[in-house]
Amino acid sequence: MKARTLVADDASFMREMIKEIIEPEGFEVVAEAGDGNDAIELFKEHSPDIITMDIVMPKKSGIEAVKGIVELDPGAKIVMCSALGQEALVMEALKAGAKDFIVKPFKPDLVVSTLRKAIEKQD
């Protein structure tokens, strides 16, 4: 079974990079969001198995989007994408309901294993 994935990042090249890493590993990117508002709307529309969420995005931040998605579905599987030095924001996102995080620059095998772990994690 392919894991249906929503990729949320304001940089299209980052969304492309994540797609290139995860699609050969059995993930299907069903939607891409460029900001936090889109992420919430696309979550409602597609109810993906897993979401990769950039922390810093326009309109609504990744953290606000996590809160919005978790309100809709407390079991949502969200993995944050953070840059080095965003530890405080990562902790805030995890408190808001994100399951895990990956750090840029991405190590492909770590991205895939983190997403798989998040999907398998039962609350």
N, C-alpha and C. Protein backbone atom coordinates (compact mmCIF):
# COMPACT_ATOMS: atom_id res chain seq x y z
N MET A 1 0.84 -1.20 0.00
CA MET A 1 0.00 0.00 0.00
C MET A 1 0.87 1.25 0.00
N LYS A 2 0.58 2.15 -0.90
CA LYS A 2 1.34 3.41 -0.94
C LYS A 2 0.82 4.36 0.13
N ALA A 3 1.73 4.99 0.84
CA ALA A 3 1.33 5.97 1.85
C ALA A 3 1.01 7.28 1.14
N ARG A 4 -0.24 7.74 1.29
CA ARG A 4 -0.68 8.98 0.65
C ARG A 4 -0.11 10.15 1.44
N THR A 5 0.62 11.01 0.75
CA THR A 5 1.40 12.04 1.42
C THR A 5 1.03 13.44 0.96
N LEU A 6 0.94 14.35 1.94
CA LEU A 6 0.79 15.78 1.66
C LEU A 6 2.12 16.44 1.99
N VAL A 7 2.70 17.16 1.02
CA VAL A 7 3.97 17.84 1.23
C VAL A 7 3.70 19.35 1.32
N ALA A 8 4.00 19.94 2.48
CA ALA A 8 3.77 21.37 2.68
C ALA A 8 5.10 22.10 2.87
N ASP A 9 5.42 22.97 1.94
CA ASP A 9 6.65 23.77 2.01
C ASP A 9 6.45 24.96 1.09
N ASP A 10 6.88 26.15 1.52
CA ASP A 10 6.67 27.32 0.66
C ASP A 10 7.65 27.35 -0.51
N ALA A 11 8.71 26.54 -0.46
CA ALA A 11 9.68 26.51 -1.56
C ALA A 11 9.38 25.31 -2.46
N SER A 12 9.07 25.58 -3.72
CA SER A 12 8.70 24.48 -4.62
C SER A 12 9.87 23.50 -4.81
N PHE A 13 11.12 24.01 -4.78
CA PHE A 13 12.25 23.09 -4.96
C PHE A 13 12.36 22.11 -3.78
N MET A 14 11.95 22.56 -2.58
CA MET A 14 11.97 21.66 -1.42
C MET A 14 10.89 20.58 -1.58
N ARG A 15 9.71 21.00 -2.06
CA ARG A 15 8.64 20.01 -2.29
C ARG A 15 9.10 18.98 -3.31
N GLU A 16 9.75 19.46 -4.38
CA GLU A 16 10.28 18.56 -5.41
C GLU A 16 11.29 17.58 -4.81
N MET A 17 12.20 18.13 -3.98
CA MET A 17 13.24 17.30 -3.38
C MET A 17 12.62 16.20 -2.52
N ILE A 18 11.63 16.57 -1.71
CA ILE A 18 10.98 15.57 -0.85
C ILE A 18 10.30 14.51 -1.72
N LYS A 19 9.61 14.95 -2.77
CA LYS A 19 8.96 14.00 -3.68
C LYS A 19 9.97 13.02 -4.27
N GLU A 20 11.12 13.58 -4.73
CA GLU A 20 12.15 12.72 -5.35
C GLU A 20 12.70 11.71 -4.36
N ILE A 21 12.73 12.08 -3.07
CA ILE A 21 13.25 11.16 -2.04
C ILE A 21 12.22 10.08 -1.73
N ILE A 22 10.95 10.48 -1.57
CA ILE A 22 9.99 9.52 -1.01
C ILE A 22 9.21 8.71 -2.04
N GLU A 23 8.98 9.26 -3.23
CA GLU A 23 8.15 8.52 -4.20
C GLU A 23 8.73 7.17 -4.60
N PRO A 24 10.06 7.07 -4.83
CA PRO A 24 10.59 5.73 -5.17
C PRO A 24 10.49 4.75 -4.00
N GLU A 25 10.25 5.26 -2.79
CA GLU A 25 10.20 4.42 -1.60
C GLU A 25 8.77 4.03 -1.22
N GLY A 26 7.82 4.23 -2.14
CA GLY A 26 6.47 3.76 -1.90
C GLY A 26 5.51 4.79 -1.32
N PHE A 27 5.90 6.06 -1.37
CA PHE A 27 4.99 7.12 -0.93
C PHE A 27 4.36 7.75 -2.17
N GLU A 28 3.11 8.13 -2.07
CA GLU A 28 2.44 8.79 -3.19
C GLU A 28 2.08 10.19 -2.74
N VAL A 29 2.66 11.21 -3.41
CA VAL A 29 2.35 12.59 -3.04
C VAL A 29 1.01 12.95 -3.69
N VAL A 30 -0.02 13.09 -2.86
CA VAL A 30 -1.37 13.36 -3.38
C VAL A 30 -1.66 14.85 -3.45
N ALA A 31 -0.88 15.67 -2.72
CA ALA A 31 -1.10 17.11 -2.74
C ALA A 31 0.14 17.84 -2.24
N GLU A 32 0.28 19.09 -2.71
CA GLU A 32 1.38 19.95 -2.27
C GLU A 32 0.82 21.29 -1.84
N ALA A 33 1.28 21.76 -0.68
CA ALA A 33 0.81 23.04 -0.15
C ALA A 33 1.98 24.02 -0.08
N GLY A 34 1.69 25.27 -0.44
CA GLY A 34 2.73 26.31 -0.40
C GLY A 34 2.66 27.18 0.84
N ASP A 35 1.61 27.01 1.64
CA ASP A 35 1.52 27.76 2.89
C ASP A 35 0.64 26.99 3.87
N GLY A 36 0.58 27.48 5.10
CA GLY A 36 -0.15 26.78 6.15
C GLY A 36 -1.64 26.66 5.90
N ASN A 37 -2.24 27.71 5.31
CA ASN A 37 -3.67 27.65 5.00
C ASN A 37 -3.97 26.53 4.00
N ASP A 38 -3.15 26.49 2.93
CA ASP A 38 -3.31 25.43 1.92
C ASP A 38 -3.17 24.06 2.56
N ALA A 39 -2.20 23.94 3.46
CA ALA A 39 -1.94 22.64 4.10
C ALA A 39 -3.21 22.14 4.80
N ILE A 40 -3.89 23.02 5.52
CA ILE A 40 -5.11 22.63 6.24
C ILE A 40 -6.22 22.27 5.25
N GLU A 41 -6.40 23.11 4.22
CA GLU A 41 -7.45 22.85 3.23
C GLU A 41 -7.20 21.53 2.50
N LEU A 42 -5.95 21.30 2.09
CA LEU A 42 -5.62 20.08 1.34
C LEU A 42 -5.71 18.85 2.24
N PHE A 43 -5.44 19.03 3.54
CA PHE A 43 -5.61 17.91 4.47
C PHE A 43 -7.08 17.50 4.50
N LYS A 44 -7.97 18.52 4.59
CA LYS A 44 -9.41 18.23 4.62
C LYS A 44 -9.83 17.50 3.35
N GLU A 45 -9.29 17.95 2.22
CA GLU A 45 -9.70 17.42 0.93
C GLU A 45 -9.18 16.00 0.69
N HIS A 46 -7.94 15.72 1.09
CA HIS A 46 -7.29 14.46 0.71
C HIS A 46 -7.14 13.46 1.86
N SER A 47 -7.33 13.88 3.09
CA SER A 47 -7.00 13.10 4.29
C SER A 47 -5.84 12.13 4.06
N PRO A 48 -4.63 12.69 3.89
CA PRO A 48 -3.45 11.87 3.61
C PRO A 48 -3.04 11.03 4.82
N ASP A 49 -2.23 9.99 4.55
CA ASP A 49 -1.71 9.13 5.62
C ASP A 49 -0.64 9.86 6.43
N ILE A 50 0.10 10.72 5.75
CA ILE A 50 1.20 11.42 6.41
C ILE A 50 1.41 12.78 5.75
N ILE A 51 1.93 13.73 6.54
CA ILE A 51 2.17 15.09 6.05
C ILE A 51 3.60 15.47 6.40
N THR A 52 4.33 16.04 5.43
CA THR A 52 5.59 16.70 5.78
C THR A 52 5.29 18.19 5.81
N MET A 53 5.70 18.84 6.88
CA MET A 53 5.31 20.24 7.12
C MET A 53 6.52 21.11 7.41
N ASP A 54 6.76 22.08 6.53
CA ASP A 54 7.82 23.05 6.78
C ASP A 54 7.38 23.92 7.96
N ILE A 55 8.33 24.39 8.78
CA ILE A 55 7.96 25.19 9.94
C ILE A 55 7.65 26.63 9.54
N VAL A 56 8.55 27.21 8.73
CA VAL A 56 8.39 28.62 8.39
C VAL A 56 7.71 28.74 7.02
N MET A 57 6.44 29.15 7.04
CA MET A 57 5.68 29.33 5.80
C MET A 57 4.83 30.59 5.91
N PRO A 58 4.44 31.16 4.76
CA PRO A 58 3.59 32.36 4.78
C PRO A 58 2.15 32.04 5.21
N LYS A 59 1.40 33.08 5.46
CA LYS A 59 -0.02 33.05 5.85
C LYS A 59 -0.21 32.39 7.21
N LYS A 60 -0.03 31.06 7.26
CA LYS A 60 -0.03 30.36 8.55
C LYS A 60 1.27 29.61 8.64
N SER A 61 1.93 29.66 9.78
CA SER A 61 3.18 28.92 9.95
C SER A 61 2.87 27.43 10.00
N GLY A 62 3.92 26.62 9.86
CA GLY A 62 3.76 25.18 9.98
C GLY A 62 3.17 24.80 11.33
N ILE A 63 3.57 25.52 12.37
CA ILE A 63 3.07 25.19 13.72
C ILE A 63 1.56 25.48 13.81
N GLU A 64 1.13 26.62 13.26
CA GLU A 64 -0.30 26.94 13.25
C GLU A 64 -1.07 25.91 12.42
N ALA A 65 -0.47 25.49 11.31
CA ALA A 65 -1.11 24.49 10.45
C ALA A 65 -1.24 23.16 11.18
N VAL A 66 -0.21 22.78 11.96
CA VAL A 66 -0.28 21.55 12.75
C VAL A 66 -1.47 21.63 13.71
N LYS A 67 -1.58 22.77 14.40
CA LYS A 67 -2.69 22.95 15.35
C LYS A 67 -4.03 22.80 14.63
N GLY A 68 -4.14 23.42 13.46
CA GLY A 68 -5.38 23.37 12.68
C GLY A 68 -5.72 21.95 12.24
N ILE A 69 -4.70 21.21 11.80
CA ILE A 69 -4.92 19.83 11.31
C ILE A 69 -5.25 18.90 12.47
N VAL A 70 -4.53 19.04 13.58
CA VAL A 70 -4.77 18.18 14.74
C VAL A 70 -6.17 18.42 15.32
N GLU A 71 -6.66 19.65 15.19
CA GLU A 71 -8.03 19.96 15.61
C GLU A 71 -9.03 19.15 14.78
N LEU A 72 -8.74 19.03 13.48
CA LEU A 72 -9.62 18.27 12.58
C LEU A 72 -9.47 16.77 12.81
N ASP A 73 -8.23 16.33 13.05
CA ASP A 73 -7.94 14.90 13.20
C ASP A 73 -6.79 14.72 14.20
N PRO A 74 -7.13 14.43 15.46
CA PRO A 74 -6.10 14.29 16.49
C PRO A 74 -5.08 13.20 16.17
N GLY A 75 -5.42 12.27 15.30
CA GLY A 75 -4.49 11.19 14.95
C GLY A 75 -3.64 11.49 13.74
N ALA A 76 -3.73 12.71 13.20
CA ALA A 76 -2.98 13.05 11.98
C ALA A 76 -1.49 12.82 12.20
N LYS A 77 -0.83 12.27 11.19
CA LYS A 77 0.62 11.98 11.26
C LYS A 77 1.35 13.10 10.53
N ILE A 78 2.01 13.96 11.31
CA ILE A 78 2.71 15.11 10.74
C ILE A 78 4.18 15.06 11.12
N VAL A 79 5.05 15.19 10.13
CA VAL A 79 6.49 15.25 10.38
C VAL A 79 6.97 16.64 9.96
N MET A 80 7.59 17.36 10.90
CA MET A 80 8.07 18.70 10.62
C MET A 80 9.39 18.66 9.86
N CYS A 81 9.58 19.64 8.98
CA CYS A 81 10.85 19.82 8.28
C CYS A 81 11.47 21.11 8.81
N SER A 82 12.62 21.00 9.44
CA SER A 82 13.19 22.20 10.04
C SER A 82 14.62 22.42 9.57
N ALA A 83 15.05 23.66 9.64
CA ALA A 83 16.44 23.98 9.38
C ALA A 83 17.20 23.85 10.70
N LEU A 84 18.50 23.73 10.62
CA LEU A 84 19.30 23.70 11.84
C LEU A 84 19.03 24.97 12.63
N GLY A 85 19.03 24.87 13.94
CA GLY A 85 18.84 26.06 14.76
C GLY A 85 17.38 26.39 15.03
N GLN A 86 16.45 25.53 14.59
CA GLN A 86 15.03 25.79 14.85
C GLN A 86 14.49 24.89 15.96
N GLU A 87 15.37 24.48 16.87
CA GLU A 87 14.98 23.50 17.89
C GLU A 87 13.76 23.95 18.70
N ALA A 88 13.73 25.23 19.08
CA ALA A 88 12.61 25.72 19.89
C ALA A 88 11.30 25.59 19.12
N LEU A 89 11.34 25.91 17.82
CA LEU A 89 10.14 25.79 16.98
C LEU A 89 9.74 24.33 16.83
N VAL A 90 10.73 23.46 16.68
CA VAL A 90 10.45 22.03 16.56
C VAL A 90 9.74 21.53 17.82
N MET A 91 10.25 21.93 18.99
CA MET A 91 9.63 21.51 20.25
C MET A 91 8.18 22.00 20.32
N GLU A 92 7.96 23.24 19.87
CA GLU A 92 6.61 23.81 19.88
C GLU A 92 5.69 23.00 18.95
N ALA A 93 6.21 22.62 17.78
CA ALA A 93 5.42 21.84 16.82
C ALA A 93 5.09 20.46 17.39
N LEU A 94 6.05 19.84 18.08
CA LEU A 94 5.81 18.52 18.67
C LEU A 94 4.75 18.63 19.77
N LYS A 95 4.82 19.71 20.56
CA LYS A 95 3.79 19.93 21.58
C LYS A 95 2.42 20.12 20.94
N ALA A 96 2.40 20.76 19.77
CA ALA A 96 1.14 21.03 19.06
C ALA A 96 0.55 19.77 18.44
N GLY A 97 1.36 18.70 18.36
CA GLY A 97 0.81 17.45 17.83
C GLY A 97 1.59 16.80 16.71
N ALA A 98 2.70 17.43 16.27
CA ALA A 98 3.52 16.77 15.25
C ALA A 98 4.13 15.50 15.85
N LYS A 99 4.36 14.49 15.02
CA LYS A 99 4.87 13.21 15.51
C LYS A 99 6.39 13.16 15.57
N ASP A 100 7.04 13.89 14.67
CA ASP A 100 8.50 13.77 14.57
C ASP A 100 9.01 14.92 13.70
N PHE A 101 10.30 14.94 13.43
CA PHE A 101 10.84 16.00 12.58
C PHE A 101 12.05 15.49 11.81
N ILE A 102 12.32 16.13 10.69
CA ILE A 102 13.53 15.88 9.91
C ILE A 102 14.22 17.22 9.71
N VAL A 103 15.55 17.19 9.63
CA VAL A 103 16.32 18.43 9.56
C VAL A 103 16.93 18.59 8.16
N LYS A 104 16.83 19.81 7.63
CA LYS A 104 17.47 20.14 6.36
C LYS A 104 18.95 20.40 6.63
N PRO A 105 19.87 20.12 5.75
CA PRO A 105 19.67 19.40 4.49
C PRO A 105 19.29 17.93 4.74
N PHE A 106 18.33 17.43 3.94
CA PHE A 106 17.79 16.11 4.18
C PHE A 106 18.76 14.99 3.83
N LYS A 107 18.79 13.98 4.69
CA LYS A 107 19.47 12.73 4.36
C LYS A 107 18.36 11.78 3.93
N PRO A 108 18.34 11.38 2.64
CA PRO A 108 17.20 10.64 2.10
C PRO A 108 16.76 9.43 2.94
N ASP A 109 17.72 8.60 3.37
CA ASP A 109 17.30 7.41 4.12
C ASP A 109 16.66 7.77 5.46
N LEU A 110 17.13 8.87 6.05
CA LEU A 110 16.56 9.32 7.33
C LEU A 110 15.14 9.86 7.12
N VAL A 111 14.93 10.57 6.01
CA VAL A 111 13.60 11.10 5.69
C VAL A 111 12.61 9.93 5.59
N VAL A 112 12.98 8.92 4.81
CA VAL A 112 12.09 7.78 4.58
C VAL A 112 11.83 7.02 5.87
N SER A 113 12.88 6.76 6.65
CA SER A 113 12.68 5.98 7.89
C SER A 113 11.85 6.77 8.90
N THR A 114 12.03 8.09 8.97
CA THR A 114 11.24 8.92 9.90
C THR A 114 9.76 8.90 9.51
N LEU A 115 9.48 9.02 8.21
CA LEU A 115 8.09 9.01 7.76
C LEU A 115 7.44 7.65 8.04
N ARG A 116 8.19 6.58 7.75
CA ARG A 116 7.63 5.24 8.00
C ARG A 116 7.32 5.04 9.48
N LYS A 117 8.25 5.49 10.32
CA LYS A 117 8.06 5.37 11.78
C LYS A 117 6.82 6.12 12.22
N ALA A 118 6.64 7.34 11.69
CA ALA A 118 5.49 8.18 12.07
C ALA A 118 4.18 7.52 11.66
N ILE A 119 4.18 6.89 10.48
CA ILE A 119 2.96 6.22 10.01
C ILE A 119 2.62 5.04 10.91
N GLU A 120 3.66 4.31 11.32
CA GLU A 120 3.44 3.10 12.11
C GLU A 120 3.09 3.40 13.56
N LYS A 121 3.46 4.60 14.02
CA LYS A 121 3.24 4.96 15.43
C LYS A 121 1.76 5.01 15.75
N GLN A 122 1.32 4.21 16.69
CA GLN A 122 -0.07 4.28 17.12
C GLN A 122 -0.14 5.16 18.36
N ASP A 123 -1.17 5.98 18.42
CA ASP A 123 -1.29 6.87 19.59
C ASP A 123 -1.85 6.14 20.78
